Amino acid sequence: MKYSGFLWILLNICTFAASAQQDPQISQHMFNHLMTNPGFAGNSGEINMMLLNRQQWVGFPGAPVTTVFQTDAALKLIGDADGLGFTVVKDAIGYEKNVSFGLDYAYRFKLGQGLLGCGFSVGLMNKNLSPGWSETLGGDLVDNSDPALPKQEVNGVLTDIGAGFYYKQKKYYLALSVTHLNQPSFAFEETGHYSLKRHFYLTGGYNLEMNDDRFTLQPSFFAKTDGTTSQLDLDLMLQYNKRFWGGIGYRNSDAVMLFMGVELQNGLKIGYSYDLNTSVLSRYNSGSHELFISYAVLLNKNKGQKAKSVRFL
């Protein structure tokens, strides 16, 4: 493909990234609530750890690559039902490279037939802008005369704040959260300025028992907006024997997602998703791959008791 075509697509990517994709794209959101909602911390009553890697738009220069590590646990710090979480995210797209660290706290209390978690997060993000990244591809994919771009590599450290609510009953959950609540920003050179817009998330899911109790149908949704553009994921998964799952999802104007995974007896869970791109970018990439590994341990478990890993809820 000629670089002029790459340039046109890249400019569209950067425009979208600046308005609605500052937060990394994740397909398996139903297993990854803590990344966007601190109200989830401690929700399961267990110690949880997760490592996730996403390779988006494979084969396309400058495509997003995201790695996430997160852990959370239910503790008794202020009340009888609070929790702590910790998240590290490394994200790269084009000339941007971001590394963020976040500490989450949630206080949970009974509301109706369920529990409501109210949480907030405080963290730091190191943002690196390197307009020369395209030189390694043997071409000039970025217009370096653009006054909005730095002429050389720059770094900025931002303080980031978020908040969220996570409500769970036996069969369903509903959550609302916001990231970059303080809209942190930094300036570079004479004309450059970078800021993070607030992103709002509304998510929910349901466990529908089938006639055969070995099967559970799990529909869910994941909506996000920055007030300018919005995106919606609709997903449907089928779980077998509370250990195996598979499913399909749709992200408007972007992709069809396929899911599969297994939960082992020792508390280890492995999940994989593949995104088949449906936008104009489908001509220039071979899809997106996302893999996670998680482990959960019961708090104060008795000797010999098996670990129980986090379920869909």
Protein backbone atom coordinates (compact mmCIF):
# COMPACT_ATOMS: atom_id res chain seq x y z
CA MET A 1 0.00 0.00 0.00
CA LYS A 2 1.24 3.49 -0.75
CA TYR A 3 2.08 5.77 2.15
CA SER A 4 -0.44 8.35 1.01
CA GLY A 5 -3.17 5.85 1.83
CA PHE A 6 -1.62 5.13 5.20
CA LEU A 7 -1.44 8.85 5.92
CA TRP A 8 -5.15 9.38 5.19
CA ILE A 9 -6.16 6.50 7.45
CA LEU A 10 -3.73 7.50 10.19
CA LEU A 11 -5.11 11.03 10.26
CA ASN A 12 -8.58 9.58 10.77
CA ILE A 13 -7.28 7.35 13.55
CA CYS A 14 -5.61 10.27 15.28
CA THR A 15 -8.74 12.39 14.98
CA PHE A 16 -10.85 9.62 16.53
CA ALA A 17 -8.22 8.95 19.18
CA ALA A 18 -8.21 12.59 20.19
CA SER A 19 -11.96 12.67 20.73
CA ALA A 20 -13.12 9.23 21.84
CA GLN A 21 -10.28 6.75 21.99
CA GLN A 22 -7.97 8.25 24.58
CA ASP A 23 -8.89 5.30 26.78
CA PRO A 24 -7.72 1.96 25.37
CA GLN A 25 -10.21 -0.23 23.55
CA ILE A 26 -10.95 -3.52 25.34
CA SER A 27 -13.34 -6.20 24.02
CA GLN A 28 -13.58 -8.49 27.07
CA HIS A 29 -14.94 -5.74 29.30
CA MET A 30 -17.21 -8.18 31.19
CA PHE A 31 -14.07 -9.64 32.81
CA ASN A 32 -12.28 -6.31 33.19
CA HIS A 33 -14.49 -3.87 35.14
CA LEU A 34 -11.76 -2.38 37.33
CA MET A 35 -9.98 -0.70 34.42
CA THR A 36 -12.84 1.79 33.93
CA ASN A 37 -14.76 1.58 37.22
CA PRO A 38 -13.14 1.85 40.68
CA GLY A 39 -16.51 0.97 42.25
CA PHE A 40 -15.77 -2.65 41.31
CA ALA A 41 -12.79 -2.97 43.70
CA GLY A 42 -13.34 -5.79 46.18
CA ASN A 43 -16.64 -6.77 44.59
CA SER A 44 -15.99 -10.51 44.45
CA GLY A 45 -14.77 -10.90 48.05
CA GLU A 46 -11.57 -12.46 46.70
CA ILE A 47 -8.02 -11.50 45.80
CA ASN A 48 -7.97 -11.14 42.01
CA MET A 49 -5.12 -10.65 39.56
CA MET A 50 -5.36 -10.20 35.80
CA LEU A 51 -2.89 -9.74 32.95
CA LEU A 52 -4.33 -8.72 29.56
CA ASN A 53 -2.73 -7.99 26.22
CA ARG A 54 -4.49 -6.59 23.16
CA GLN A 55 -3.01 -6.37 19.66
CA GLN A 56 -5.39 -4.16 17.68
CA TRP A 57 -5.58 -3.93 13.86
CA VAL A 58 -2.73 -6.40 13.34
CA GLY A 59 -0.59 -5.51 10.32
CA PHE A 60 -1.37 -1.80 10.37
CA PRO A 61 1.54 0.59 11.18
CA GLY A 62 1.08 2.42 14.47
CA ALA A 63 -1.92 0.32 15.50
CA PRO A 64 -2.82 0.27 19.22
CA VAL A 65 -1.08 -2.21 21.50
CA THR A 66 -2.35 -2.40 25.09
CA THR A 67 -1.15 -4.30 28.14
CA VAL A 68 -3.08 -4.23 31.42
CA PHE A 69 -2.23 -5.58 34.85
CA GLN A 70 -4.72 -5.20 37.65
CA THR A 71 -5.40 -6.61 41.08
CA ASP A 72 -8.07 -6.00 43.70
CA ALA A 73 -9.21 -7.44 47.03
CA ALA A 74 -12.01 -7.07 49.56
CA LEU A 75 -10.69 -5.58 52.81
CA LYS A 76 -11.97 -4.03 56.03
CA LEU A 77 -10.30 -0.63 56.10
CA ILE A 78 -13.15 1.77 56.88
CA GLY A 79 -16.19 -0.49 57.00
CA ASP A 80 -17.00 -4.18 56.71
CA ALA A 81 -17.32 -4.19 52.93
CA ASP A 82 -14.70 -2.05 51.23
CA GLY A 83 -11.95 -2.92 48.79
CA LEU A 84 -8.73 -1.78 47.18
CA GLY A 85 -7.53 -2.10 43.61
CA PHE A 86 -4.39 -1.34 41.64
CA THR A 87 -4.14 -1.00 37.86
CA VAL A 88 -1.22 -0.54 35.48
CA VAL A 89 -1.91 0.20 31.81
CA LYS A 90 0.66 0.47 29.03
CA ASP A 91 -0.85 1.74 25.80
CA ALA A 92 0.73 2.72 22.49
CA ILE A 93 -0.93 4.12 19.35
CA GLY A 94 0.99 5.84 16.59
CA TYR A 95 3.23 8.52 18.07
CA GLU A 96 1.68 8.18 21.56
CA LYS A 97 2.98 5.94 24.33
CA ASN A 98 1.22 6.04 27.70
CA VAL A 99 1.91 4.31 30.99
CA SER A 100 -0.57 4.85 33.81
CA PHE A 101 -0.79 3.70 37.43
CA GLY A 102 -4.02 3.89 39.38
CA LEU A 103 -5.04 3.14 42.97
CA ASP A 104 -8.73 2.34 43.49
CA TYR A 105 -10.88 2.36 46.60
CA ALA A 106 -14.53 1.28 46.89
CA TYR A 107 -16.97 1.21 49.77
CA ARG A 108 -19.87 -1.23 49.36
CA PHE A 109 -23.18 -1.34 51.18
CA LYS A 110 -26.48 -3.16 50.83
CA LEU A 111 -29.08 -1.57 48.60
CA GLY A 112 -32.29 -3.48 48.01
CA GLN A 113 -31.44 -7.07 47.14
CA GLY A 114 -27.88 -6.25 46.09
CA LEU A 115 -24.65 -4.42 46.92
CA LEU A 116 -23.68 -0.96 45.67
CA GLY A 117 -19.99 -0.17 45.37
CA CYS A 118 -19.03 3.53 45.40
CA GLY A 119 -15.43 4.07 44.37
CA PHE A 120 -12.82 6.56 43.28
CA SER A 121 -9.37 6.26 41.75
CA VAL A 122 -6.24 8.40 41.89
CA GLY A 123 -3.32 7.80 39.60
CA LEU A 124 -0.51 9.08 37.42
CA MET A 125 -0.10 8.87 33.67
CA ASN A 126 3.19 9.32 31.86
CA LYS A 127 2.42 10.45 28.31
CA ASN A 128 5.10 10.29 25.63
CA LEU A 129 4.68 11.89 22.18
CA SER A 130 7.23 10.83 19.55
CA PRO A 131 6.40 12.18 16.07
CA GLY A 132 9.47 10.46 14.62
CA TRP A 133 8.06 6.96 15.19
CA SER A 134 7.11 6.58 11.51
CA GLU A 135 10.71 6.97 10.35
CA THR A 136 11.35 3.37 11.38
CA LEU A 137 8.78 2.29 8.76
CA GLY A 138 10.76 3.81 5.94
CA GLY A 139 8.24 6.55 5.23
CA ASP A 140 6.83 9.82 6.51
CA LEU A 141 3.34 9.03 7.87
CA VAL A 142 3.01 12.14 10.04
CA ASP A 143 2.91 15.74 8.91
CA ASN A 144 5.64 17.19 11.12
CA SER A 145 4.70 20.73 10.07
CA ASP A 146 1.45 20.46 12.05
CA PRO A 147 1.79 23.02 14.89
CA ALA A 148 -0.30 20.78 17.16
CA LEU A 149 2.42 18.10 17.09
CA PRO A 150 5.76 18.37 18.91
CA LYS A 151 8.86 18.73 16.75
CA GLN A 152 10.73 16.32 19.00
CA GLU A 153 9.92 13.74 21.64
CA VAL A 154 8.17 15.15 24.73
CA ASN A 155 6.94 13.68 28.00
CA GLY A 156 4.31 14.81 30.45
CA VAL A 157 3.15 13.42 33.80
CA LEU A 158 -0.56 13.86 34.52
CA THR A 159 -2.52 13.35 37.72
CA ASP A 160 -5.67 11.42 36.88
CA ILE A 161 -8.87 11.01 38.92
CA GLY A 162 -11.88 8.77 38.29
CA ALA A 163 -15.06 7.65 40.04
CA GLY A 164 -17.66 4.93 39.66
CA PHE A 165 -20.69 3.07 40.98
CA TYR A 166 -21.11 -0.69 40.63
CA TYR A 167 -24.39 -2.35 41.65
CA LYS A 168 -24.69 -6.13 41.75
CA GLN A 169 -27.53 -8.48 42.50
CA LYS A 170 -27.50 -12.26 42.23
CA LYS A 171 -28.39 -12.31 38.54
CA TYR A 172 -27.32 -8.95 37.14
CA TYR A 173 -25.04 -5.95 37.49
CA LEU A 174 -25.32 -2.30 36.42
CA ALA A 175 -22.48 0.20 36.58
CA LEU A 176 -21.76 3.86 35.85
CA SER A 177 -18.31 5.46 35.91
CA VAL A 178 -16.19 8.35 34.65
CA THR A 179 -12.47 8.49 33.86
CA HIS A 180 -10.28 11.62 33.69
CA LEU A 181 -12.70 13.44 35.96
CA ASN A 182 -10.25 16.33 36.43
CA GLN A 183 -9.40 16.50 32.68
CA PRO A 184 -5.61 16.72 33.22
CA SER A 185 -3.48 18.43 30.58
CA PHE A 186 0.06 19.55 29.81
CA ALA A 187 1.63 22.00 27.35
CA PHE A 188 4.70 21.52 25.17
CA GLU A 189 6.78 23.89 23.07
CA GLU A 190 4.94 27.11 22.14
CA THR A 191 1.77 25.88 20.47
CA GLY A 192 1.29 22.34 21.70
CA HIS A 193 -1.30 21.32 24.26
CA TYR A 194 -2.62 17.90 25.24
CA SER A 195 -5.57 17.16 27.50
CA LEU A 196 -7.61 14.13 28.51
CA LYS A 197 -11.35 14.48 28.12
CA ARG A 198 -13.82 12.99 30.56
CA HIS A 199 -15.08 9.59 29.42
CA PHE A 200 -18.37 8.22 30.75
CA TYR A 201 -19.19 4.50 30.90
CA LEU A 202 -22.49 2.70 31.39
CA THR A 203 -22.28 -1.09 31.59
CA GLY A 204 -24.57 -3.94 32.54
CA GLY A 205 -25.01 -7.69 32.31
CA TYR A 206 -27.43 -10.47 33.21
CA ASN A 207 -27.17 -14.18 34.05
CA LEU A 208 -30.08 -16.05 32.47
CA GLU A 209 -30.46 -19.63 33.70
CA MET A 210 -31.51 -22.17 31.06
CA ASN A 211 -33.73 -25.22 31.42
CA ASP A 212 -30.55 -27.26 31.51
CA ASP A 213 -28.77 -25.80 34.56
CA ARG A 214 -25.39 -26.59 33.05
CA PHE A 215 -25.88 -23.67 30.67
CA THR A 216 -26.10 -19.94 31.47
CA LEU A 217 -26.81 -17.26 28.89
CA GLN A 218 -25.00 -13.99 29.62
CA PRO A 219 -26.00 -10.88 27.64
CA SER A 220 -24.14 -7.65 28.42
CA PHE A 221 -23.55 -4.14 27.09
CA PHE A 222 -20.75 -1.60 27.34
CA ALA A 223 -21.45 2.02 26.36
CA LYS A 224 -18.96 4.88 26.44
CA THR A 225 -18.93 8.53 25.42
CA ASP A 226 -16.82 11.63 25.82
CA GLY A 227 -19.78 13.91 25.10
CA THR A 228 -18.82 14.24 21.43
CA THR A 229 -18.73 10.69 20.10
CA SER A 230 -20.16 7.47 21.53
CA GLN A 231 -19.67 3.76 21.13
CA LEU A 232 -21.72 0.70 22.15
CA ASP A 233 -20.75 -2.95 22.57
CA LEU A 234 -23.50 -5.58 22.65
CA ASP A 235 -22.39 -9.07 23.67
CA LEU A 236 -23.96 -12.48 24.16
CA MET A 237 -22.07 -15.36 25.77
CA LEU A 238 -23.04 -18.91 26.67
CA GLN A 239 -21.38 -20.47 29.70
CA TYR A 240 -21.25 -24.24 30.19
CA ASN A 241 -20.89 -25.91 33.57
CA LYS A 242 -19.65 -22.59 35.02
CA ARG A 243 -16.26 -23.29 33.43
CA PHE A 244 -16.37 -22.87 29.64
CA TRP A 245 -17.74 -19.98 27.63
CA GLY A 246 -18.06 -18.75 24.08
CA GLY A 247 -19.95 -15.94 22.46
CA ILE A 248 -20.27 -13.13 19.97
CA GLY A 249 -20.45 -9.34 20.20
CA TYR A 250 -20.94 -6.29 18.03
CA ARG A 251 -19.35 -2.85 18.38
CA ASN A 252 -21.18 -0.24 16.34
CA SER A 253 -19.33 0.97 13.24
CA ASP A 254 -16.22 -0.96 14.25
CA ALA A 255 -16.16 -4.73 14.70
CA VAL A 256 -17.76 -8.10 15.30
CA MET A 257 -16.18 -9.86 18.28
CA LEU A 258 -15.81 -13.59 19.01
CA PHE A 259 -15.14 -14.81 22.57
CA MET A 260 -13.98 -18.04 24.13
CA GLY A 261 -12.46 -19.08 27.43
CA VAL A 262 -12.10 -21.58 30.23
CA GLU A 263 -12.01 -21.43 34.01
CA LEU A 264 -9.76 -24.09 35.55
CA GLN A 265 -10.34 -25.78 38.87
CA ASN A 266 -7.41 -24.08 40.58
CA GLY A 267 -8.82 -20.54 40.19
CA LEU A 268 -7.06 -19.83 36.90
CA LYS A 269 -9.09 -18.31 34.07
CA ILE A 270 -8.00 -17.84 30.43
CA GLY A 271 -9.97 -15.83 27.89
CA TYR A 272 -9.46 -14.90 24.25
CA SER A 273 -11.31 -12.64 21.83
CA TYR A 274 -10.92 -11.86 18.15
CA ASP A 275 -12.26 -8.67 16.57
CA LEU A 276 -13.20 -8.78 12.90
CA ASN A 277 -13.06 -5.18 11.77
CA THR A 278 -16.13 -3.91 9.86
CA SER A 279 -15.01 -0.33 9.15
CA VAL A 280 -12.92 0.94 6.23
CA LEU A 281 -9.85 -0.22 8.14
CA SER A 282 -10.81 -3.85 7.46
CA ARG A 283 -8.96 -3.59 4.13
CA TYR A 284 -5.69 -2.79 5.86
CA ASN A 285 -5.51 -5.14 8.87
CA SER A 286 -6.12 -8.76 9.82
CA GLY A 287 -8.22 -8.14 12.92
CA SER A 288 -7.53 -7.64 16.62
CA HIS A 289 -6.43 -10.24 19.16
CA GLU A 290 -6.97 -10.01 22.92
CA LEU A 291 -5.83 -12.51 25.53
CA PHE A 292 -6.15 -12.42 29.31
CA ILE A 293 -5.08 -14.64 32.19
CA SER A 294 -6.57 -14.14 35.64
CA TYR A 295 -6.25 -15.80 39.02
CA ALA A 296 -8.50 -15.55 42.06
CA VAL A 297 -8.06 -16.73 45.65
CA LEU A 298 -10.67 -16.77 48.40
CA LEU A 299 -9.85 -14.60 51.40
CA ASN A 300 -9.53 -16.48 54.69
CA LYS A 301 -10.13 -19.80 52.99
CA ASN A 302 -9.84 -22.97 55.03
CA LYS A 303 -6.96 -25.32 54.47
CA GLY A 304 -7.70 -27.62 51.58
CA GLN A 305 -10.51 -25.46 50.25
CA LYS A 306 -10.29 -24.88 46.52
CA ALA A 307 -9.88 -21.39 45.17
CA LYS A 308 -12.93 -19.91 43.54
CA SER A 309 -12.35 -17.59 40.63
CA VAL A 310 -14.43 -14.55 39.69
CA ARG A 311 -17.59 -15.31 37.76
CA PHE A 312 -19.24 -13.18 35.11
CA LEU A 313 -20.70 -11.00 37.87
